[in-house]
């Protein structure tokens, strides 16, 4: 595959990478975790057009488009580990007459990652908190939770959160994907990986399944070897120094690959398709601060180095005609960047 980098902006503490599609084109969103640094939107043929989404407040961890709503998303704002009590909240953004308008949805201490599942026409909000309360940044004595709620047509009317799971220490990892046409989520914490799926009908039971034990910091899934069954890539432990792939063998998952390079503070994982191949995309925030791709070719796992010295905090991948785009929040390099991926 051929990979070409384009730096979009200098952005201090660039943290969140996302995309929302409207008016027939992709609009890439990159946001800082700093209290006073912008979230910007980029679009156009080669993403040369830039619009400010917001400048304050910061603390943006996640931005998720609302299914069925072309110009609307939810996002996390004011997540600061050093601030007690937590100011973190879910905010609704709507693009109207060329500007973004925002309204608060719900305050949730230390909400970090979330998804929106669409099941039988109903949008469900599912969110994870890294902890429930803290005395200071490195206090992990109180576990995080997974919350769920039905998302109303007007999110600013608020949501009724229900605690789905408690007792999840360092509840940091989240991966949303589709399996058999339905949205599912994988959550990673010191209690391992949980797979969560929405009720079959309104008022029904959520399904929670333990998948893998261990201290899991991040998760992504993709059928990387083409055998019809998804593999799992993990970062272990929380902000950890190990990246590995697990393959299902009978009823259990077994480790089949580990990244050999010495790493520190691995943070970003995506399972996707790049240049026609299933792949994992990975980012590490310290030491070599690399961005790399893992594929499975000729019976072996292959690592393609994309960039070094950039330290991605989060990633997303956008698919377009004749090219794919890795959107990278290059935290260590303080830059918002994209990487165009095409076949050789």
C-alpha atoms as a PDB file:
ATOM      1  CA  UNK A   1       0.000   0.000   0.000  1.00  0.00           C
ATOM      2  CA  UNK A   2       1.058   3.585  -0.669  1.00  0.00           C
ATOM      3  CA  UNK A   3       0.718   6.073   2.205  1.00  0.00           C
ATOM      4  CA  UNK A   4       1.033   9.871   1.908  1.00  0.00           C
ATOM      5  CA  UNK A   5       0.837  12.168   4.942  1.00  0.00           C
ATOM      6  CA  UNK A   6      -0.879  15.548   5.065  1.00  0.00           C
ATOM      7  CA  UNK A   7      -0.511  17.715   8.148  1.00  0.00           C
ATOM      8  CA  UNK A   8      -3.729  19.650   8.638  1.00  0.00           C
ATOM      9  CA  UNK A   9      -2.832  21.814  11.616  1.00  0.00           C
ATOM     10  CA  UNK A  10      -0.698  22.445  14.634  1.00  0.00           C
ATOM     11  CA  UNK A  11      -2.895  21.417  17.572  1.00  0.00           C
ATOM     12  CA  UNK A  12      -1.621  21.288  21.147  1.00  0.00           C
ATOM     13  CA  UNK A  13      -2.624  18.068  22.934  1.00  0.00           C
ATOM     14  CA  UNK A  14      -4.543  16.861  19.893  1.00  0.00           C
ATOM     15  CA  UNK A  15      -6.586  13.962  21.230  1.00  0.00           C
ATOM     16  CA  UNK A  16      -9.839  13.097  19.441  1.00  0.00           C
ATOM     17  CA  UNK A  17     -10.141  11.921  15.812  1.00  0.00           C
ATOM     18  CA  UNK A  18     -13.519  11.453  14.152  1.00  0.00           C
ATOM     19  CA  UNK A  19     -15.519  11.944  10.947  1.00  0.00           C
ATOM     20  CA  UNK A  20     -19.073  12.921  10.108  1.00  0.00           C
ATOM     21  CA  UNK A  21     -20.514  12.642   6.604  1.00  0.00           C
ATOM     22  CA  UNK A  22     -23.023  15.220   5.355  1.00  0.00           C
ATOM     23  CA  UNK A  23     -23.810  17.115   2.159  1.00  0.00           C
ATOM     24  CA  UNK A  24     -22.330  14.176   0.275  1.00  0.00           C
ATOM     25  CA  UNK A  25     -18.821  14.480   1.691  1.00  0.00           C
ATOM     26  CA  UNK A  26     -16.744  13.526   4.693  1.00  0.00           C
ATOM     27  CA  UNK A  27     -15.956  16.131   7.338  1.00  0.00           C
ATOM     28  CA  UNK A  28     -12.991  15.167   9.501  1.00  0.00           C
ATOM     29  CA  UNK A  29     -13.056  16.331  13.116  1.00  0.00           C
ATOM     30  CA  UNK A  30      -9.954  16.714  15.268  1.00  0.00           C
ATOM     31  CA  UNK A  31     -10.078  18.073  18.810  1.00  0.00           C
ATOM     32  CA  UNK A  32      -7.720  18.845  21.676  1.00  0.00           C
ATOM     33  CA  UNK A  33      -8.024  17.689  25.272  1.00  0.00           C
ATOM     34  CA  UNK A  34      -6.698  21.063  26.420  1.00  0.00           C
ATOM     35  CA  UNK A  35      -9.247  23.392  28.070  1.00  0.00           C
ATOM     36  CA  UNK A  36      -8.663  26.219  25.581  1.00  0.00           C
ATOM     37  CA  UNK A  37      -7.656  24.635  22.268  1.00  0.00           C
ATOM     38  CA  UNK A  38      -9.972  24.254  19.296  1.00  0.00           C
ATOM     39  CA  UNK A  39     -11.926  21.448  17.757  1.00  0.00           C
ATOM     40  CA  UNK A  40     -11.743  21.924  13.987  1.00  0.00           C
ATOM     41  CA  UNK A  41     -13.518  20.413  10.987  1.00  0.00           C
ATOM     42  CA  UNK A  42     -11.749  19.748   7.663  1.00  0.00           C
ATOM     43  CA  UNK A  43     -13.345  18.938   4.311  1.00  0.00           C
ATOM     44  CA  UNK A  44     -12.968  19.353   0.566  1.00  0.00           C
ATOM     45  CA  UNK A  45     -11.241  17.277  -2.101  1.00  0.00           C
ATOM     46  CA  UNK A  46      -8.023  17.014  -0.099  1.00  0.00           C
ATOM     47  CA  UNK A  47      -9.382  18.445   3.170  1.00  0.00           C
ATOM     48  CA  UNK A  48      -8.083  21.902   2.409  1.00  0.00           C
ATOM     49  CA  UNK A  49     -11.131  23.695   3.876  1.00  0.00           C
ATOM     50  CA  UNK A  50     -11.141  24.316   7.620  1.00  0.00           C
ATOM     51  CA  UNK A  51     -13.922  25.433   9.967  1.00  0.00           C
ATOM     52  CA  UNK A  52     -13.817  25.949  13.703  1.00  0.00           C
ATOM     53  CA  UNK A  53     -16.268  23.727  15.600  1.00  0.00           C
ATOM     54  CA  UNK A  54     -15.552  25.112  19.076  1.00  0.00           C
ATOM     55  CA  UNK A  55     -12.673  26.714  20.939  1.00  0.00           C
ATOM     56  CA  UNK A  56     -13.861  26.370  24.528  1.00  0.00           C
ATOM     57  CA  UNK A  57     -14.427  24.223  26.519  1.00  0.00           C
ATOM     58  CA  UNK A  58     -11.940  21.486  25.713  1.00  0.00           C
ATOM     59  CA  UNK A  59     -11.369  18.108  27.318  1.00  0.00           C
ATOM     60  CA  UNK A  60     -12.743  16.321  24.257  1.00  0.00           C
ATOM     61  CA  UNK A  61     -12.326  12.537  24.435  1.00  0.00           C
ATOM     62  CA  UNK A  62     -14.810  11.285  21.828  1.00  0.00           C
ATOM     63  CA  UNK A  63     -17.039  12.550  18.993  1.00  0.00           C
ATOM     64  CA  UNK A  64     -19.734  10.189  17.661  1.00  0.00           C
ATOM     65  CA  UNK A  65     -22.183  10.966  14.813  1.00  0.00           C
ATOM     66  CA  UNK A  66     -25.836  10.243  15.654  1.00  0.00           C
ATOM     67  CA  UNK A  67     -27.199   7.473  13.377  1.00  0.00           C
ATOM     68  CA  UNK A  68     -29.908   8.777  11.071  1.00  0.00           C
ATOM     69  CA  UNK A  69     -29.026  12.415  11.805  1.00  0.00           C
ATOM     70  CA  UNK A  70     -26.879  13.793   9.010  1.00  0.00           C
ATOM     71  CA  UNK A  71     -25.556  16.916  10.748  1.00  0.00           C
ATOM     72  CA  UNK A  72     -25.588  15.922  14.422  1.00  0.00           C
ATOM     73  CA  UNK A  73     -23.135  14.342  16.817  1.00  0.00           C
ATOM     74  CA  UNK A  74     -22.588  13.748  20.516  1.00  0.00           C
ATOM     75  CA  UNK A  75     -19.229  14.437  22.134  1.00  0.00           C
ATOM     76  CA  UNK A  76     -17.411  14.351  25.452  1.00  0.00           C
ATOM     77  CA  UNK A  77     -16.274  17.717  26.760  1.00  0.00           C
ATOM     78  CA  UNK A  78     -14.472  18.855  29.921  1.00  0.00           C
ATOM     79  CA  UNK A  79     -12.837  15.524  30.737  1.00  0.00           C
ATOM     80  CA  UNK A  80      -9.810  16.418  32.869  1.00  0.00           C
ATOM     81  CA  UNK A  81      -8.219  13.765  35.077  1.00  0.00           C
ATOM     82  CA  UNK A  82      -6.615  16.446  37.239  1.00  0.00           C
ATOM     83  CA  UNK A  83      -9.927  18.175  38.019  1.00  0.00           C
ATOM     84  CA  UNK A  84     -11.957  16.986  41.025  1.00  0.00           C
ATOM     85  CA  UNK A  85     -14.922  16.794  41.104  1.00  0.00           C
ATOM     86  CA  UNK A  86     -15.142  15.825  37.431  1.00  0.00           C
ATOM     87  CA  UNK A  87     -16.708  18.260  34.956  1.00  0.00           C
ATOM     88  CA  UNK A  88     -17.069  15.656  32.187  1.00  0.00           C
ATOM     89  CA  UNK A  89     -20.289  15.684  30.194  1.00  0.00           C
ATOM     90  CA  UNK A  90     -21.972  14.543  26.996  1.00  0.00           C
ATOM     91  CA  UNK A  91     -22.835  17.407  24.637  1.00  0.00           C
ATOM     92  CA  UNK A  92     -25.068  17.485  21.548  1.00  0.00           C
ATOM     93  CA  UNK A  93     -23.761  19.275  18.471  1.00  0.00           C
ATOM     94  CA  UNK A  94     -25.918  20.255  15.483  1.00  0.00           C
ATOM     95  CA  UNK A  95     -24.744  21.944  12.268  1.00  0.00           C
ATOM     96  CA  UNK A  96     -27.273  24.630  11.357  1.00  0.00           C
ATOM     97  CA  UNK A  97     -26.889  27.401   8.779  1.00  0.00           C
ATOM     98  CA  UNK A  98     -23.158  26.906   8.533  1.00  0.00           C
ATOM     99  CA  UNK A  99     -22.341  26.904  12.251  1.00  0.00           C
ATOM    100  CA  UNK A 100     -22.272  24.337  15.037  1.00  0.00           C
ATOM    101  CA  UNK A 101     -24.723  24.814  17.888  1.00  0.00           C
ATOM    102  CA  UNK A 102     -24.271  22.973  21.195  1.00  0.00           C
ATOM    103  CA  UNK A 103     -26.460  21.915  24.096  1.00  0.00           C
ATOM    104  CA  UNK A 104     -25.585  19.815  27.135  1.00  0.00           C
ATOM    105  CA  UNK A 105     -27.137  16.353  27.362  1.00  0.00           C
ATOM    106  CA  UNK A 106     -25.931  14.856  30.645  1.00  0.00           C
ATOM    107  CA  UNK A 107     -23.075  15.295  33.118  1.00  0.00           C
ATOM    108  CA  UNK A 108     -21.271  12.055  33.952  1.00  0.00           C
ATOM    109  CA  UNK A 109     -18.107  12.137  36.078  1.00  0.00           C
ATOM    110  CA  UNK A 110     -15.078  10.832  34.150  1.00  0.00           C
ATOM    111  CA  UNK A 111     -17.022   9.767  31.056  1.00  0.00           C
ATOM    112  CA  UNK A 112     -14.321   8.929  28.533  1.00  0.00           C
ATOM    113  CA  UNK A 113     -15.600   6.736  25.690  1.00  0.00           C
ATOM    114  CA  UNK A 114     -19.095   6.140  24.368  1.00  0.00           C
ATOM    115  CA  UNK A 115     -21.048   4.800  21.427  1.00  0.00           C
ATOM    116  CA  UNK A 116     -24.512   5.034  19.910  1.00  0.00           C
ATOM    117  CA  UNK A 117     -26.139   1.717  18.993  1.00  0.00           C
ATOM    118  CA  UNK A 118     -29.034   1.697  16.546  1.00  0.00           C
ATOM    119  CA  UNK A 119     -31.301  -1.282  17.168  1.00  0.00           C
ATOM    120  CA  UNK A 120     -34.607  -1.606  15.295  1.00  0.00           C
ATOM    121  CA  UNK A 121     -34.734   2.131  14.672  1.00  0.00           C
ATOM    122  CA  UNK A 122     -33.968   3.085  18.291  1.00  0.00           C
ATOM    123  CA  UNK A 123     -30.742   4.927  19.161  1.00  0.00           C
ATOM    124  CA  UNK A 124     -29.193   3.827  22.446  1.00  0.00           C
ATOM    125  CA  UNK A 125     -26.427   5.719  24.211  1.00  0.00           C
ATOM    126  CA  UNK A 126     -23.787   3.516  25.844  1.00  0.00           C
ATOM    127  CA  UNK A 127     -20.937   5.122  27.713  1.00  0.00           C
ATOM    128  CA  UNK A 128     -17.957   4.206  29.867  1.00  0.00           C
ATOM    129  CA  UNK A 129     -16.410   6.051  32.796  1.00  0.00           C
ATOM    130  CA  UNK A 130     -12.761   5.397  33.657  1.00  0.00           C
ATOM    131  CA  UNK A 131     -13.619   5.874  37.333  1.00  0.00           C
ATOM    132  CA  UNK A 132     -16.627   7.022  39.337  1.00  0.00           C
ATOM    133  CA  UNK A 133     -14.770   9.472  41.577  1.00  0.00           C
ATOM    134  CA  UNK A 134     -11.172  10.510  42.243  1.00  0.00           C
ATOM    135  CA  UNK A 135      -9.201  12.290  44.941  1.00  0.00           C
ATOM    136  CA  UNK A 136      -6.438  13.142  42.454  1.00  0.00           C
ATOM    137  CA  UNK A 137      -5.263  12.133  38.971  1.00  0.00           C
ATOM    138  CA  UNK A 138      -3.585   8.866  39.966  1.00  0.00           C
ATOM    139  CA  UNK A 139      -6.295   7.713  42.354  1.00  0.00           C
ATOM    140  CA  UNK A 140      -7.842   4.565  40.851  1.00  0.00           C
ATOM    141  CA  UNK A 141      -9.451   3.278  44.047  1.00  0.00           C
ATOM    142  CA  UNK A 142     -13.032   3.735  42.792  1.00  0.00           C
ATOM    143  CA  UNK A 143     -13.982   1.679  39.695  1.00  0.00           C
ATOM    144  CA  UNK A 144     -15.654   2.933  36.552  1.00  0.00           C
ATOM    145  CA  UNK A 145     -18.987   1.899  35.086  1.00  0.00           C
ATOM    146  CA  UNK A 146     -20.853   1.261  31.859  1.00  0.00           C
ATOM    147  CA  UNK A 147     -24.104   3.230  31.519  1.00  0.00           C
ATOM    148  CA  UNK A 148     -26.885   2.874  28.949  1.00  0.00           C
ATOM    149  CA  UNK A 149     -29.904   4.975  27.986  1.00  0.00           C
ATOM    150  CA  UNK A 150     -32.332   5.459  25.132  1.00  0.00           C
ATOM    151  CA  UNK A 151     -31.374   8.577  23.193  1.00  0.00           C
ATOM    152  CA  UNK A 152     -34.363  10.886  22.589  1.00  0.00           C
ATOM    153  CA  UNK A 153     -35.080  12.729  19.339  1.00  0.00           C
ATOM    154  CA  UNK A 154     -33.976  15.934  21.071  1.00  0.00           C
ATOM    155  CA  UNK A 155     -30.922  14.950  23.165  1.00  0.00           C
ATOM    156  CA  UNK A 156     -30.999  18.267  25.047  1.00  0.00           C
ATOM    157  CA  UNK A 157     -34.063  17.026  26.933  1.00  0.00           C
ATOM    158  CA  UNK A 158     -31.643  14.737  28.788  1.00  0.00           C
ATOM    159  CA  UNK A 159     -31.331  10.984  29.194  1.00  0.00           C
ATOM    160  CA  UNK A 160     -32.197   8.516  31.943  1.00  0.00           C
ATOM    161  CA  UNK A 161     -28.949   6.662  32.575  1.00  0.00           C
ATOM    162  CA  UNK A 162     -28.985   3.093  33.846  1.00  0.00           C
ATOM    163  CA  UNK A 163     -25.894   1.428  35.330  1.00  0.00           C
ATOM    164  CA  UNK A 164     -25.285  -1.660  33.223  1.00  0.00           C
ATOM    165  CA  UNK A 165     -21.946  -2.733  34.755  1.00  0.00           C
ATOM    166  CA  UNK A 166     -20.022  -1.586  37.829  1.00  0.00           C
ATOM    167  CA  UNK A 167     -16.694  -2.582  39.361  1.00  0.00           C
ATOM    168  CA  UNK A 168     -14.586  -1.893  36.255  1.00  0.00           C
ATOM    169  CA  UNK A 169     -11.249  -0.431  37.312  1.00  0.00           C
ATOM    170  CA  UNK A 170      -9.456   1.778  34.743  1.00  0.00           C
ATOM    171  CA  UNK A 171     -12.417   1.314  32.403  1.00  0.00           C
ATOM    172  CA  UNK A 172     -10.616   2.854  29.428  1.00  0.00           C
ATOM    173  CA  UNK A 173     -10.975   0.702  26.305  1.00  0.00           C
ATOM    174  CA  UNK A 174     -13.942   0.844  23.930  1.00  0.00           C
ATOM    175  CA  UNK A 175     -14.492  -0.487  20.436  1.00  0.00           C
ATOM    176  CA  UNK A 176     -17.763  -0.351  18.487  1.00  0.00           C
ATOM    177  CA  UNK A 177     -18.354  -2.531  15.448  1.00  0.00           C
ATOM    178  CA  UNK A 178     -21.087  -4.444  13.636  1.00  0.00           C
ATOM    179  CA  UNK A 179     -21.530  -8.198  13.973  1.00  0.00           C
ATOM    180  CA  UNK A 180     -24.223  -9.952  11.956  1.00  0.00           C
ATOM    181  CA  UNK A 181     -25.489  -6.511  10.980  1.00  0.00           C
ATOM    182  CA  UNK A 182     -25.954  -5.335  14.592  1.00  0.00           C
ATOM    183  CA  UNK A 183     -24.009  -2.801  16.668  1.00  0.00           C
ATOM    184  CA  UNK A 184     -21.917  -4.287  19.469  1.00  0.00           C
ATOM    185  CA  UNK A 185     -19.363  -2.816  21.829  1.00  0.00           C
ATOM    186  CA  UNK A 186     -16.235  -4.152  23.476  1.00  0.00           C
ATOM    187  CA  UNK A 187     -15.098  -2.597  26.768  1.00  0.00           C
ATOM    188  CA  UNK A 188     -11.637  -3.043  28.277  1.00  0.00           C
ATOM    189  CA  UNK A 189     -10.628  -2.601  31.922  1.00  0.00           C
ATOM    190  CA  UNK A 190      -8.615  -4.323  34.648  1.00  0.00           C
ATOM    191  CA  UNK A 191     -11.500  -6.823  34.677  1.00  0.00           C
ATOM    192  CA  UNK A 192     -10.818  -7.882  31.077  1.00  0.00           C
ATOM    193  CA  UNK A 193     -12.991  -7.487  27.971  1.00  0.00           C
ATOM    194  CA  UNK A 194     -16.794  -7.345  28.023  1.00  0.00           C
ATOM    195  CA  UNK A 195     -18.885  -7.632  24.864  1.00  0.00           C
ATOM    196  CA  UNK A 196     -22.149  -5.654  25.065  1.00  0.00           C
ATOM    197  CA  UNK A 197     -25.162  -5.681  22.744  1.00  0.00           C
ATOM    198  CA  UNK A 198     -28.454  -3.770  22.837  1.00  0.00           C
ATOM    199  CA  UNK A 199     -31.922  -5.173  23.603  1.00  0.00           C
ATOM    200  CA  UNK A 200     -33.803  -6.794  20.746  1.00  0.00           C
ATOM    201  CA  UNK A 201     -36.786  -4.571  21.538  1.00  0.00           C
ATOM    202  CA  UNK A 202     -37.525  -1.477  23.633  1.00  0.00           C
ATOM    203  CA  UNK A 203     -37.544  -2.353  27.327  1.00  0.00           C
ATOM    204  CA  UNK A 204     -35.634  -5.586  26.790  1.00  0.00           C
ATOM    205  CA  UNK A 205     -32.422  -6.753  28.423  1.00  0.00           C
ATOM    206  CA  UNK A 206     -28.949  -5.672  27.422  1.00  0.00           C
ATOM    207  CA  UNK A 207     -26.542  -8.576  26.874  1.00  0.00           C
ATOM    208  CA  UNK A 208     -23.137  -8.547  28.582  1.00  0.00           C
ATOM    209  CA  UNK A 209     -20.603 -11.304  27.895  1.00  0.00           C
ATOM    210  CA  UNK A 210     -17.084 -11.703  29.327  1.00  0.00           C
ATOM    211  CA  UNK A 211     -14.701 -12.337  26.420  1.00  0.00           C
ATOM    212  CA  UNK A 212     -11.136 -12.239  27.728  1.00  0.00           C
ATOM    213  CA  UNK A 213      -9.482 -11.868  31.132  1.00  0.00           C
ATOM    214  CA  UNK A 214      -6.522  -9.617  31.884  1.00  0.00           C
ATOM    215  CA  UNK A 215      -5.821  -5.925  32.353  1.00  0.00           C
ATOM    216  CA  UNK A 216      -6.989  -4.491  29.027  1.00  0.00           C
ATOM    217  CA  UNK A 217      -6.342  -0.881  28.042  1.00  0.00           C
ATOM    218  CA  UNK A 218      -7.686  -0.838  24.457  1.00  0.00           C
ATOM    219  CA  UNK A 219      -9.466  -3.205  22.056  1.00  0.00           C
ATOM    220  CA  UNK A 220     -10.138  -3.445  18.328  1.00  0.00           C
ATOM    221  CA  UNK A 221     -11.461  -6.294  16.178  1.00  0.00           C
ATOM    222  CA  UNK A 222     -11.189  -7.313  12.520  1.00  0.00           C
ATOM    223  CA  UNK A 223     -10.921 -10.573  10.585  1.00  0.00           C
ATOM    224  CA  UNK A 224      -7.287  -9.917   9.790  1.00  0.00           C
ATOM    225  CA  UNK A 225      -6.453 -13.397   8.439  1.00  0.00           C
ATOM    226  CA  UNK A 226      -9.603 -13.811   6.340  1.00  0.00           C
ATOM    227  CA  UNK A 227     -10.881 -17.000   7.973  1.00  0.00           C
ATOM    228  CA  UNK A 228     -14.357 -15.560   8.578  1.00  0.00           C
ATOM    229  CA  UNK A 229     -13.881 -14.873  12.290  1.00  0.00           C
ATOM    230  CA  UNK A 230     -12.707 -11.622  13.869  1.00  0.00           C
ATOM    231  CA  UNK A 231      -9.437 -11.484  15.747  1.00  0.00           C
ATOM    232  CA  UNK A 232      -8.943  -9.166  18.742  1.00  0.00           C
ATOM    233  CA  UNK A 233      -6.060  -6.742  19.111  1.00  0.00           C
ATOM    234  CA  UNK A 234      -5.354  -5.345  22.576  1.00  0.00           C
ATOM    235  CA  UNK A 235      -3.180  -2.839  24.341  1.00  0.00           C
ATOM    236  CA  UNK A 236      -2.229  -4.151  27.761  1.00  0.00           C
ATOM    237  CA  UNK A 237      -2.317  -2.855  30.456  1.00  0.00           C
ATOM    238  CA  UNK A 238      -3.924   0.584  30.875  1.00  0.00           C
ATOM    239  CA  UNK A 239      -1.738   2.974  28.823  1.00  0.00           C
ATOM    240  CA  UNK A 240       0.357  -0.144  28.444  1.00  0.00           C
ATOM    241  CA  UNK A 241       3.512  -1.399  26.770  1.00  0.00           C
ATOM    242  CA  UNK A 242       2.165  -4.506  25.012  1.00  0.00           C
ATOM    243  CA  UNK A 243       0.217  -4.786  21.753  1.00  0.00           C
ATOM    244  CA  UNK A 244      -0.970  -8.254  20.781  1.00  0.00           C
ATOM    245  CA  UNK A 245      -3.490 -10.196  18.703  1.00  0.00           C
ATOM    246  CA  UNK A 246      -5.782 -12.942  19.974  1.00  0.00           C
ATOM    247  CA  UNK A 247      -7.457 -15.565  17.810  1.00  0.00           C
ATOM    248  CA  UNK A 248     -10.435 -17.653  18.863  1.00  0.00           C
ATOM    249  CA  UNK A 249      -9.597 -21.314  19.330  1.00  0.00           C
ATOM    250  CA  UNK A 250     -12.720 -23.256  20.259  1.00  0.00           C
ATOM    251  CA  UNK A 251     -14.352 -21.375  23.131  1.00  0.00           C
ATOM    252  CA  UNK A 252     -11.217 -19.423  24.117  1.00  0.00           C
ATOM    253  CA  UNK A 253      -9.013 -16.721  22.668  1.00  0.00           C
ATOM    254  CA  UNK A 254      -5.292 -17.446  22.395  1.00  0.00           C
ATOM    255  CA  UNK A 255      -2.458 -15.024  21.704  1.00  0.00           C
ATOM    256  CA  UNK A 256      -1.044 -15.462  18.177  1.00  0.00           C
ATOM    257  CA  UNK A 257       1.061 -12.315  17.690  1.00  0.00           C
ATOM    258  CA  UNK A 258       2.840  -9.615  19.674  1.00  0.00           C
ATOM    259  CA  UNK A 259       4.426  -6.368  18.476  1.00  0.00           C
ATOM    260  CA  UNK A 260       8.172  -6.714  18.982  1.00  0.00           C
ATOM    261  CA  UNK A 261       9.242  -3.080  19.206  1.00  0.00           C
ATOM    262  CA  UNK A 262       9.755  -1.647  22.694  1.00  0.00           C
ATOM    263  CA  UNK A 263       6.863   0.709  23.373  1.00  0.00           C
ATOM    264  CA  UNK A 264       5.560   2.975  26.109  1.00  0.00           C
ATOM    265  CA  UNK A 265       2.041   4.410  26.519  1.00  0.00           C
ATOM    266  CA  UNK A 266       0.317   2.635  23.636  1.00  0.00           C
ATOM    267  CA  UNK A 267      -3.071   4.272  23.224  1.00  0.00           C
ATOM    268  CA  UNK A 268      -4.787   3.964  19.817  1.00  0.00           C
ATOM    269  CA  UNK A 269      -6.245   0.949  18.004  1.00  0.00           C
ATOM    270  CA  UNK A 270      -8.568   0.559  15.000  1.00  0.00           C
ATOM    271  CA  UNK A 271      -9.667  -2.515  13.066  1.00  0.00           C
ATOM    272  CA  UNK A 272     -10.468  -1.594   9.457  1.00  0.00           C
ATOM    273  CA  UNK A 273      -9.828  -2.163   5.755  1.00  0.00           C
ATOM    274  CA  UNK A 274      -6.929  -0.370   4.054  1.00  0.00           C
ATOM    275  CA  UNK A 275      -6.232  -0.601   0.324  1.00  0.00           C
ATOM    276  CA  UNK A 276      -8.478  -3.652   0.134  1.00  0.00           C
ATOM    277  CA  UNK A 277      -6.845  -5.501   3.043  1.00  0.00           C
ATOM    278  CA  UNK A 278      -8.185  -6.067   6.540  1.00  0.00           C
ATOM    279  CA  UNK A 279      -5.796  -4.402   8.957  1.00  0.00           C
ATOM    280  CA  UNK A 280      -5.195  -3.077  12.437  1.00  0.00           C
ATOM    281  CA  UNK A 281      -3.937   0.503  12.798  1.00  0.00           C
ATOM    282  CA  UNK A 282      -2.017   1.269  15.993  1.00  0.00           C
ATOM    283  CA  UNK A 283      -0.590   4.327  17.730  1.00  0.00           C
ATOM    284  CA  UNK A 284       1.947   4.726  20.560  1.00  0.00           C
ATOM    285  CA  UNK A 285       2.372   7.999  22.467  1.00  0.00           C
ATOM    286  CA  UNK A 286       5.877   7.667  23.942  1.00  0.00           C
ATOM    287  CA  UNK A 287       9.378   6.422  23.076  1.00  0.00           C
ATOM    288  CA  UNK A 288       9.328   6.025  19.239  1.00  0.00           C
ATOM    289  CA  UNK A 289       5.780   7.513  19.191  1.00  0.00           C
ATOM    290  CA  UNK A 290       4.945   5.423  16.144  1.00  0.00           C
ATOM    291  CA  UNK A 291       1.905   4.974  13.949  1.00  0.00           C
ATOM    292  CA  UNK A 292       1.844   1.602  12.195  1.00  0.00           C
ATOM    293  CA  UNK A 293      -0.386  -0.867  10.342  1.00  0.00           C
ATOM    294  CA  UNK A 294      -0.581  -4.645  10.860  1.00  0.00           C
ATOM    295  CA  UNK A 295      -1.786  -6.915   8.030  1.00  0.00           C
ATOM    296  CA  UNK A 296      -1.701 -10.682   7.424  1.00  0.00           C
ATOM    297  CA  UNK A 297       0.040 -11.629   4.203  1.00  0.00           C
ATOM    298  CA  UNK A 298       1.350 -14.988   2.941  1.00  0.00           C
ATOM    299  CA  UNK A 299       0.622 -16.636   6.278  1.00  0.00           C
ATOM    300  CA  UNK A 300       2.471 -14.030   8.356  1.00  0.00           C
ATOM    301  CA  UNK A 301       1.705 -10.847  10.244  1.00  0.00           C
ATOM    302  CA  UNK A 302       3.302  -7.843   8.568  1.00  0.00           C
ATOM    303  CA  UNK A 303       4.015  -4.448  10.143  1.00  0.00           C
ATOM    304  CA  UNK A 304       4.046  -1.353   7.927  1.00  0.00           C
ATOM    305  CA  UNK A 305       5.477   1.714   9.644  1.00  0.00           C
ATOM    306  CA  UNK A 306       3.427   4.800   8.730  1.00  0.00           C
ATOM    307  CA  UNK A 307       5.078   7.511  10.834  1.00  0.00           C
ATOM    308  CA  UNK A 308       7.341   8.024  13.839  1.00  0.00           C
ATOM    309  CA  UNK A 309       7.691  10.782  16.411  1.00  0.00           C
ATOM    310  CA  UNK A 310       3.994  11.709  16.254  1.00  0.00           C
ATOM    311  CA  UNK A 311       2.396   9.823  19.183  1.00  0.00           C
ATOM    312  CA  UNK A 312      -1.231   9.262  18.135  1.00  0.00           C
ATOM    313  CA  UNK A 313      -3.752   9.512  20.966  1.00  0.00           C
ATOM    314  CA  UNK A 314      -6.688   8.343  18.832  1.00  0.00           C
ATOM    315  CA  UNK A 315      -7.367   7.243  15.277  1.00  0.00           C
ATOM    316  CA  UNK A 316     -10.216   6.758  12.870  1.00  0.00           C
ATOM    317  CA  UNK A 317     -10.314   5.534   9.279  1.00  0.00           C
ATOM    318  CA  UNK A 318     -12.430   7.068   6.508  1.00  0.00           C
ATOM    319  CA  UNK A 319     -13.204   5.175   3.297  1.00  0.00           C
ATOM    320  CA  UNK A 320     -13.571   7.005  -0.021  1.00  0.00           C
ATOM    321  CA  UNK A 321     -13.570   6.032  -3.679  1.00  0.00           C
ATOM    322  CA  UNK A 322     -10.079   4.821  -4.606  1.00  0.00           C
ATOM    323  CA  UNK A 323      -8.511   5.760  -1.257  1.00  0.00           C
ATOM    324  CA  UNK A 324      -8.730   5.309   2.488  1.00  0.00           C
ATOM    325  CA  UNK A 325      -7.753   7.960   5.022  1.00  0.00           C
ATOM    326  CA  UNK A 326      -6.188   7.419   8.442  1.00  0.00           C
ATOM    327  CA  UNK A 327      -7.210  10.337  10.665  1.00  0.00           C
ATOM    328  CA  UNK A 328      -4.649  10.698  13.443  1.00  0.00           C
ATOM    329  CA  UNK A 329      -4.699  12.901  16.528  1.00  0.00           C
ATOM    330  CA  UNK A 330      -0.905  13.194  16.798  1.00  0.00           C
ATOM    331  CA  UNK A 331      -0.753  14.146  20.465  1.00  0.00           C
ATOM    332  CA  UNK A 332       3.022  14.008  21.034  1.00  0.00           C
ATOM    333  CA  UNK A 333       3.790  16.018  17.888  1.00  0.00           C
ATOM    334  CA  UNK A 334       0.932  18.456  18.668  1.00  0.00           C
ATOM    335  CA  UNK A 335      -0.534  18.106  15.201  1.00  0.00           C
ATOM    336  CA  UNK A 336      -3.755  17.158  13.446  1.00  0.00           C
ATOM    337  CA  UNK A 337      -2.909  14.914  10.508  1.00  0.00           C
ATOM    338  CA  UNK A 338      -4.324  12.585   7.881  1.00  0.00           C
ATOM    339  CA  UNK A 339      -2.683   9.827   5.852  1.00  0.00           C
ATOM    340  CA  UNK A 340      -3.988   8.968   2.384  1.00  0.00           C
ATOM    341  CA  UNK A 341      -3.781   5.213   1.736  1.00  0.00           C
ATOM    342  CA  UNK A 342      -4.017   3.767  -1.782  1.00  0.00           C
ATOM    343  CA  UNK A 343      -3.034   0.539  -3.441  1.00  0.00           C
ATOM    344  CA  UNK A 344       0.524   0.402  -4.817  1.00  0.00           C
END
